[in-house]
């Protein structure tokens, strides 16, 4: 079953008119393209590649969150 996720993509245009797309939620996930449509296609491909690389890592642990726990300790 394929899980569908939403990612926030930051798209900028450099001084040469090249579009640069970055996904802040995924380290090292970025690409560029000459047109807006091209950069959107490429960033989707980059996300897939980055997610696949994450799945292939030796430690398949997935960060869930941090929780603070209070406990009364006996004296």
PDB file of N, CA and C in Angstrom:
ATOM      1  N   UNK A   1       0.846  -1.181   0.000  1.00  0.00           N
ATOM      2  CA  UNK A   1       0.000   0.000   0.000  1.00  0.00           C
ATOM      3  C   UNK A   1       0.886   1.237   0.000  1.00  0.00           C
ATOM      4  N   UNK A   2       0.606   2.192  -0.853  1.00  0.00           N
ATOM      5  CA  UNK A   2       1.363   3.431  -0.908  1.00  0.00           C
ATOM      6  C   UNK A   2       0.743   4.464   0.015  1.00  0.00           C
ATOM      7  N   UNK A   3       1.578   5.022   0.865  1.00  0.00           N
ATOM      8  CA  UNK A   3       1.140   6.056   1.787  1.00  0.00           C
ATOM      9  C   UNK A   3       1.319   7.415   1.115  1.00  0.00           C
ATOM     10  N   UNK A   4       0.325   8.263   1.208  1.00  0.00           N
ATOM     11  CA  UNK A   4       0.408   9.584   0.596  1.00  0.00           C
ATOM     12  C   UNK A   4       0.791  10.611   1.657  1.00  0.00           C
ATOM     13  N   UNK A   5       1.807  11.414   1.366  1.00  0.00           N
ATOM     14  CA  UNK A   5       2.286  12.437   2.291  1.00  0.00           C
ATOM     15  C   UNK A   5       2.312  13.790   1.602  1.00  0.00           C
ATOM     16  N   UNK A   6       2.176  14.826   2.396  1.00  0.00           N
ATOM     17  CA  UNK A   6       2.304  16.191   1.897  1.00  0.00           C
ATOM     18  C   UNK A   6       3.653  16.745   2.336  1.00  0.00           C
ATOM     19  N   UNK A   7       4.321  17.457   1.456  1.00  0.00           N
ATOM     20  CA  UNK A   7       5.600  18.083   1.764  1.00  0.00           C
ATOM     21  C   UNK A   7       5.520  19.555   1.380  1.00  0.00           C
ATOM     22  N   UNK A   8       6.145  20.386   2.188  1.00  0.00           N
ATOM     23  CA  UNK A   8       6.226  21.810   1.885  1.00  0.00           C
ATOM     24  C   UNK A   8       7.470  22.040   1.044  1.00  0.00           C
ATOM     25  N   UNK A   9       7.296  22.628  -0.129  1.00  0.00           N
ATOM     26  CA  UNK A   9       8.407  22.866  -1.045  1.00  0.00           C
ATOM     27  C   UNK A   9       8.624  24.373  -1.166  1.00  0.00           C
ATOM     28  N   UNK A  10       9.850  24.800  -0.882  1.00  0.00           N
ATOM     29  CA  UNK A  10      10.241  26.200  -1.037  1.00  0.00           C
ATOM     30  C   UNK A  10      10.825  26.349  -2.434  1.00  0.00           C
ATOM     31  N   UNK A  11      10.250  27.253  -3.228  1.00  0.00           N
ATOM     32  CA  UNK A  11      10.730  27.463  -4.592  1.00  0.00           C
ATOM     33  C   UNK A  11      11.203  28.905  -4.718  1.00  0.00           C
ATOM     34  N   UNK A  12      12.442  29.049  -5.189  1.00  0.00           N
ATOM     35  CA  UNK A  12      13.031  30.370  -5.417  1.00  0.00           C
ATOM     36  C   UNK A  12      13.524  30.439  -6.857  1.00  0.00           C
ATOM     37  N   UNK A  13      13.763  31.648  -7.317  1.00  0.00           N
ATOM     38  CA  UNK A  13      14.319  31.826  -8.650  1.00  0.00           C
ATOM     39  C   UNK A  13      15.607  32.626  -8.507  1.00  0.00           C
ATOM     40  N   UNK A  14      16.715  32.078  -9.053  1.00  0.00           N
ATOM     41  CA  UNK A  14      17.993  32.773  -8.914  1.00  0.00           C
ATOM     42  C   UNK A  14      18.143  33.885  -9.954  1.00  0.00           C
ATOM     43  N   UNK A  15      19.283  34.558  -9.896  1.00  0.00           N
ATOM     44  CA  UNK A  15      19.505  35.714 -10.779  1.00  0.00           C
ATOM     45  C   UNK A  15      19.554  35.354 -12.257  1.00  0.00           C
ATOM     46  N   UNK A  16      19.771  34.081 -12.580  1.00  0.00           N
ATOM     47  CA  UNK A  16      19.790  33.630 -13.970  1.00  0.00           C
ATOM     48  C   UNK A  16      18.436  33.117 -14.438  1.00  0.00           C
ATOM     49  N   UNK A  17      17.429  33.165 -13.556  1.00  0.00           N
ATOM     50  CA  UNK A  17      16.096  32.706 -13.913  1.00  0.00           C
ATOM     51  C   UNK A  17      15.851  31.230 -13.646  1.00  0.00           C
ATOM     52  N   UNK A  18      16.837  30.555 -13.058  1.00  0.00           N
ATOM     53  CA  UNK A  18      16.695  29.125 -12.760  1.00  0.00           C
ATOM     54  C   UNK A  18      15.887  28.971 -11.474  1.00  0.00           C
ATOM     55  N   UNK A  19      14.928  28.048 -11.491  1.00  0.00           N
ATOM     56  CA  UNK A  19      14.104  27.771 -10.318  1.00  0.00           C
ATOM     57  C   UNK A  19      14.815  26.744  -9.442  1.00  0.00           C
ATOM     58  N   UNK A  20      14.831  27.000  -8.140  1.00  0.00           N
ATOM     59  CA  UNK A  20      15.452  26.096  -7.173  1.00  0.00           C
ATOM     60  C   UNK A  20      14.375  25.692  -6.170  1.00  0.00           C
ATOM     61  N   UNK A  21      14.211  24.385  -5.967  1.00  0.00           N
ATOM     62  CA  UNK A  21      13.193  23.867  -5.048  1.00  0.00           C
ATOM     63  C   UNK A  21      13.876  23.084  -3.937  1.00  0.00           C
ATOM     64  N   UNK A  22      13.401  23.295  -2.689  1.00  0.00           N
ATOM     65  CA  UNK A  22      13.959  22.619  -1.513  1.00  0.00           C
ATOM     66  C   UNK A  22      12.820  22.105  -0.646  1.00  0.00           C
ATOM     67  N   UNK A  23      13.048  20.951  -0.020  1.00  0.00           N
ATOM     68  CA  UNK A  23      12.100  20.390   0.932  1.00  0.00           C
ATOM     69  C   UNK A  23      12.784  20.406   2.291  1.00  0.00           C
ATOM     70  N   UNK A  24      12.352  21.313   3.164  1.00  0.00           N
ATOM     71  CA  UNK A  24      13.037  21.474   4.450  1.00  0.00           C
ATOM     72  C   UNK A  24      12.868  20.266   5.368  1.00  0.00           C
ATOM     73  N   UNK A  25      11.801  19.499   5.197  1.00  0.00           N
ATOM     74  CA  UNK A  25      11.570  18.334   6.054  1.00  0.00           C
ATOM     75  C   UNK A  25      12.522  17.176   5.761  1.00  0.00           C
ATOM     76  N   UNK A  26      13.185  17.211   4.601  1.00  0.00           N
ATOM     77  CA  UNK A  26      14.066  16.118   4.193  1.00  0.00           C
ATOM     78  C   UNK A  26      15.456  16.687   3.942  1.00  0.00           C
ATOM     79  N   UNK A  27      16.422  16.287   4.763  1.00  0.00           N
ATOM     80  CA  UNK A  27      17.794  16.774   4.605  1.00  0.00           C
ATOM     81  C   UNK A  27      18.329  16.457   3.217  1.00  0.00           C
ATOM     82  N   UNK A  28      18.901  17.462   2.579  1.00  0.00           N
ATOM     83  CA  UNK A  28      19.540  17.270   1.290  1.00  0.00           C
ATOM     84  C   UNK A  28      18.600  17.096   0.118  1.00  0.00           C
ATOM     85  N   UNK A  29      17.334  17.389   0.297  1.00  0.00           N
ATOM     86  CA  UNK A  29      16.363  17.207  -0.783  1.00  0.00           C
ATOM     87  C   UNK A  29      16.129  18.538  -1.500  1.00  0.00           C
ATOM     88  N   UNK A  30      16.755  18.681  -2.660  1.00  0.00           N
ATOM     89  CA  UNK A  30      16.610  19.900  -3.449  1.00  0.00           C
ATOM     90  C   UNK A  30      16.899  19.585  -4.914  1.00  0.00           C
ATOM     91  N   UNK A  31      16.489  20.482  -5.789  1.00  0.00           N
ATOM     92  CA  UNK A  31      16.740  20.331  -7.220  1.00  0.00           C
ATOM     93  C   UNK A  31      16.552  21.682  -7.884  1.00  0.00           C
ATOM     94  N   UNK A  32      16.748  21.723  -9.177  1.00  0.00           N
ATOM     95  CA  UNK A  32      16.531  22.960  -9.930  1.00  0.00           C
ATOM     96  C   UNK A  32      15.980  22.647 -11.310  1.00  0.00           C
ATOM     97  N   UNK A  33      15.430  23.668 -11.951  1.00  0.00           N
ATOM     98  CA  UNK A  33      14.884  23.504 -13.289  1.00  0.00           C
ATOM     99  C   UNK A  33      14.798  24.846 -14.004  1.00  0.00           C
ATOM    100  N   UNK A  34      14.727  24.801 -15.314  1.00  0.00           N
ATOM    101  CA  UNK A  34      14.665  26.036 -16.112  1.00  0.00           C
ATOM    102  C   UNK A  34      13.270  26.657 -16.106  1.00  0.00           C
ATOM    103  N   UNK A  35      12.233  25.816 -15.877  1.00  0.00           N
ATOM    104  CA  UNK A  35      10.866  26.329 -15.828  1.00  0.00           C
ATOM    105  C   UNK A  35      10.222  25.894 -14.509  1.00  0.00           C
ATOM    106  N   UNK A  36       9.129  26.544 -14.155  1.00  0.00           N
ATOM    107  CA  UNK A  36       8.406  26.202 -12.938  1.00  0.00           C
ATOM    108  C   UNK A  36       7.896  24.760 -13.009  1.00  0.00           C
ATOM    109  N   UNK A  37       7.354  24.378 -14.157  1.00  0.00           N
ATOM    110  CA  UNK A  37       6.839  23.026 -14.332  1.00  0.00           C
ATOM    111  C   UNK A  37       7.949  21.991 -14.207  1.00  0.00           C
ATOM    112  N   UNK A  38       9.117  22.301 -14.771  1.00  0.00           N
ATOM    113  CA  UNK A  38      10.245  21.373 -14.704  1.00  0.00           C
ATOM    114  C   UNK A  38      10.721  21.188 -13.266  1.00  0.00           C
ATOM    115  N   UNK A  39      10.802  22.277 -12.503  1.00  0.00           N
ATOM    116  CA  UNK A  39      11.276  22.146 -11.129  1.00  0.00           C
ATOM    117  C   UNK A  39      10.267  21.377 -10.271  1.00  0.00           C
ATOM    118  N   UNK A  40       8.972  21.524 -10.544  1.00  0.00           N
ATOM    119  CA  UNK A  40       7.971  20.749  -9.810  1.00  0.00           C
ATOM    120  C   UNK A  40       8.103  19.260 -10.105  1.00  0.00           C
ATOM    121  N   UNK A  41       8.307  18.901 -11.356  1.00  0.00           N
ATOM    122  CA  UNK A  41       8.505  17.499 -11.729  1.00  0.00           C
ATOM    123  C   UNK A  41       9.758  16.952 -11.064  1.00  0.00           C
ATOM    124  N   UNK A  42      10.826  17.725 -11.109  1.00  0.00           N
ATOM    125  CA  UNK A  42      12.097  17.264 -10.544  1.00  0.00           C
ATOM    126  C   UNK A  42      12.058  17.150  -9.024  1.00  0.00           C
ATOM    127  N   UNK A  43      11.355  18.046  -8.342  1.00  0.00           N
ATOM    128  CA  UNK A  43      11.330  17.957  -6.882  1.00  0.00           C
ATOM    129  C   UNK A  43      10.528  16.732  -6.443  1.00  0.00           C
ATOM    130  N   UNK A  44       9.501  16.369  -7.189  1.00  0.00           N
ATOM    131  CA  UNK A  44       8.762  15.144  -6.865  1.00  0.00           C
ATOM    132  C   UNK A  44       9.676  13.924  -7.003  1.00  0.00           C
ATOM    133  N   UNK A  45      10.486  13.912  -8.056  1.00  0.00           N
ATOM    134  CA  UNK A  45      11.442  12.822  -8.246  1.00  0.00           C
ATOM    135  C   UNK A  45      12.486  12.817  -7.125  1.00  0.00           C
ATOM    136  N   UNK A  46      12.956  14.004  -6.737  1.00  0.00           N
ATOM    137  CA  UNK A  46      13.955  14.105  -5.672  1.00  0.00           C
ATOM    138  C   UNK A  46      13.392  13.603  -4.343  1.00  0.00           C
ATOM    139  N   UNK A  47      12.145  13.932  -4.050  1.00  0.00           N
ATOM    140  CA  UNK A  47      11.504  13.453  -2.824  1.00  0.00           C
ATOM    141  C   UNK A  47      11.453  11.932  -2.825  1.00  0.00           C
ATOM    142  N   UNK A  48      11.055  11.340  -3.942  1.00  0.00           N
ATOM    143  CA  UNK A  48      10.991   9.876  -4.032  1.00  0.00           C
ATOM    144  C   UNK A  48      12.362   9.247  -3.794  1.00  0.00           C
ATOM    145  N   UNK A  49      13.408   9.827  -4.388  1.00  0.00           N
ATOM    146  CA  UNK A  49      14.759   9.304  -4.225  1.00  0.00           C
ATOM    147  C   UNK A  49      15.214   9.429  -2.776  1.00  0.00           C
ATOM    148  N   UNK A  50      14.969  10.569  -2.151  1.00  0.00           N
ATOM    149  CA  UNK A  50      15.372  10.782  -0.761  1.00  0.00           C
ATOM    150  C   UNK A  50      14.632   9.845   0.185  1.00  0.00           C
ATOM    151  N   UNK A  51      13.348   9.653  -0.037  1.00  0.00           N
ATOM    152  CA  UNK A  51      12.578   8.754   0.819  1.00  0.00           C
ATOM    153  C   UNK A  51      13.034   7.308   0.648  1.00  0.00           C
ATOM    154  N   UNK A  52      13.339   6.904  -0.574  1.00  0.00           N
ATOM    155  CA  UNK A  52      13.827   5.547  -0.823  1.00  0.00           C
ATOM    156  C   UNK A  52      15.182   5.345  -0.144  1.00  0.00           C
ATOM    157  N   UNK A  53      16.052   6.335  -0.200  1.00  0.00           N
ATOM    158  CA  UNK A  53      17.356   6.240   0.462  1.00  0.00           C
ATOM    159  C   UNK A  53      17.180   6.107   1.966  1.00  0.00           C
ATOM    160  N   UNK A  54      16.218   6.827   2.538  1.00  0.00           N
ATOM    161  CA  UNK A  54      15.942   6.726   3.972  1.00  0.00           C
ATOM    162  C   UNK A  54      15.478   5.316   4.339  1.00  0.00           C
ATOM    163  N   UNK A  55      14.660   4.696   3.509  1.00  0.00           N
ATOM    164  CA  UNK A  55      14.149   3.355   3.784  1.00  0.00           C
ATOM    165  C   UNK A  55      15.259   2.303   3.727  1.00  0.00           C
ATOM    166  N   UNK A  56      16.288   2.563   2.933  1.00  0.00           N
ATOM    167  CA  UNK A  56      17.361   1.593   2.746  1.00  0.00           C
ATOM    168  C   UNK A  56      18.456   1.703   3.804  1.00  0.00           C
ATOM    169  N   UNK A  57      18.394   2.670   4.664  1.00  0.00           N
ATOM    170  CA  UNK A  57      19.412   2.811   5.707  1.00  0.00           C
ATOM    171  C   UNK A  57      19.373   1.605   6.631  1.00  0.00           C
ATOM    172  N   UNK A  58      20.504   1.356   7.261  1.00  0.00           N
ATOM    173  CA  UNK A  58      20.638   0.201   8.149  1.00  0.00           C
ATOM    174  C   UNK A  58      19.659   0.267   9.308  1.00  0.00           C
ATOM    175  N   UNK A  59      19.483   1.426   9.904  1.00  0.00           N
ATOM    176  CA  UNK A  59      18.593   1.579  11.045  1.00  0.00           C
ATOM    177  C   UNK A  59      17.251   2.111  10.553  1.00  0.00           C
ATOM    178  N   UNK A  60      16.241   1.261  10.470  1.00  0.00           N
ATOM    179  CA  UNK A  60      14.947   1.693   9.932  1.00  0.00           C
ATOM    180  C   UNK A  60      14.085   2.427  10.955  1.00  0.00           C
ATOM    181  N   UNK A  61      14.683   2.969  12.011  1.00  0.00           N
ATOM    182  CA  UNK A  61      13.923   3.686  13.032  1.00  0.00           C
ATOM    183  C   UNK A  61      13.330   4.960  12.442  1.00  0.00           C
ATOM    184  N   UNK A  62      12.159   5.304  12.904  1.00  0.00           N
ATOM    185  CA  UNK A  62      11.471   6.501  12.426  1.00  0.00           C
ATOM    186  C   UNK A  62      11.204   7.402  13.632  1.00  0.00           C
ATOM    187  N   UNK A  63      11.639   8.665  13.552  1.00  0.00           N
ATOM    188  CA  UNK A  63      11.434   9.606  14.649  1.00  0.00           C
ATOM    189  C   UNK A  63       9.942   9.871  14.816  1.00  0.00           C
ATOM    190  N   UNK A  64       9.455   9.727  16.041  1.00  0.00           N
ATOM    191  CA  UNK A  64       8.042   9.932  16.343  1.00  0.00           C
ATOM    192  C   UNK A  64       7.833  11.220  17.119  1.00  0.00           C
ATOM    193  N   UNK A  65       8.672  11.488  18.092  1.00  0.00           N
ATOM    194  CA  UNK A  65       8.515  12.712  18.870  1.00  0.00           C
ATOM    195  C   UNK A  65       9.227  12.614  20.202  1.00  0.00           C
ATOM    196  N   UNK A  66       9.090  13.643  21.012  1.00  0.00           N
ATOM    197  CA  UNK A  66       9.688  13.706  22.333  1.00  0.00           C
ATOM    198  C   UNK A  66       8.572  13.932  23.336  1.00  0.00           C
ATOM    199  N   UNK A  67       8.612  13.197  24.409  1.00  0.00           N
ATOM    200  CA  UNK A  67       7.578  13.320  25.437  1.00  0.00           C
ATOM    201  C   UNK A  67       8.253  13.473  26.785  1.00  0.00           C
ATOM    202  N   UNK A  68       7.802  14.418  27.586  1.00  0.00           N
ATOM    203  CA  UNK A  68       8.296  14.594  28.945  1.00  0.00           C
ATOM    204  C   UNK A  68       7.400  13.788  29.875  1.00  0.00           C
ATOM    205  N   UNK A  69       8.023  13.013  30.771  1.00  0.00           N
ATOM    206  CA  UNK A  69       7.283  12.166  31.696  1.00  0.00           C
ATOM    207  C   UNK A  69       7.679  12.547  33.124  1.00  0.00           C
ATOM    208  N   UNK A  70       6.700  12.778  33.985  1.00  0.00           N
ATOM    209  CA  UNK A  70       6.963  13.069  35.391  1.00  0.00           C
ATOM    210  C   UNK A  70       6.632  11.844  36.203  1.00  0.00           C
ATOM    211  N   UNK A  71       7.477  11.610  37.197  1.00  0.00           N
ATOM    212  CA  UNK A  71       7.296  10.433  38.033  1.00  0.00           C
ATOM    213  C   UNK A  71       7.731  10.775  39.459  1.00  0.00           C
ATOM    214  N   UNK A  72       6.883  10.473  40.434  1.00  0.00           N
ATOM    215  CA  UNK A  72       7.262  10.673  41.834  1.00  0.00           C
ATOM    216  C   UNK A  72       8.153   9.526  42.245  1.00  0.00           C
ATOM    217  N   UNK A  73       9.319   9.862  42.731  1.00  0.00           N
ATOM    218  CA  UNK A  73      10.256   8.837  43.169  1.00  0.00           C
ATOM    219  C   UNK A  73      10.157   8.696  44.684  1.00  0.00           C
ATOM    220  N   UNK A  74      10.212   7.458  45.181  1.00  0.00           N
ATOM    221  CA  UNK A  74      10.136   7.256  46.647  1.00  0.00           C
ATOM    222  C   UNK A  74      11.385   7.824  47.305  1.00  0.00           C
ATOM    223  N   UNK A  75      11.195   8.366  48.516  1.00  0.00           N
ATOM    224  CA  UNK A  75      12.314   8.944  49.282  1.00  0.00           C
ATOM    225  C   UNK A  75      13.124   7.895  49.958  1.00  0.00           C
TER     226      UNK A  75
END
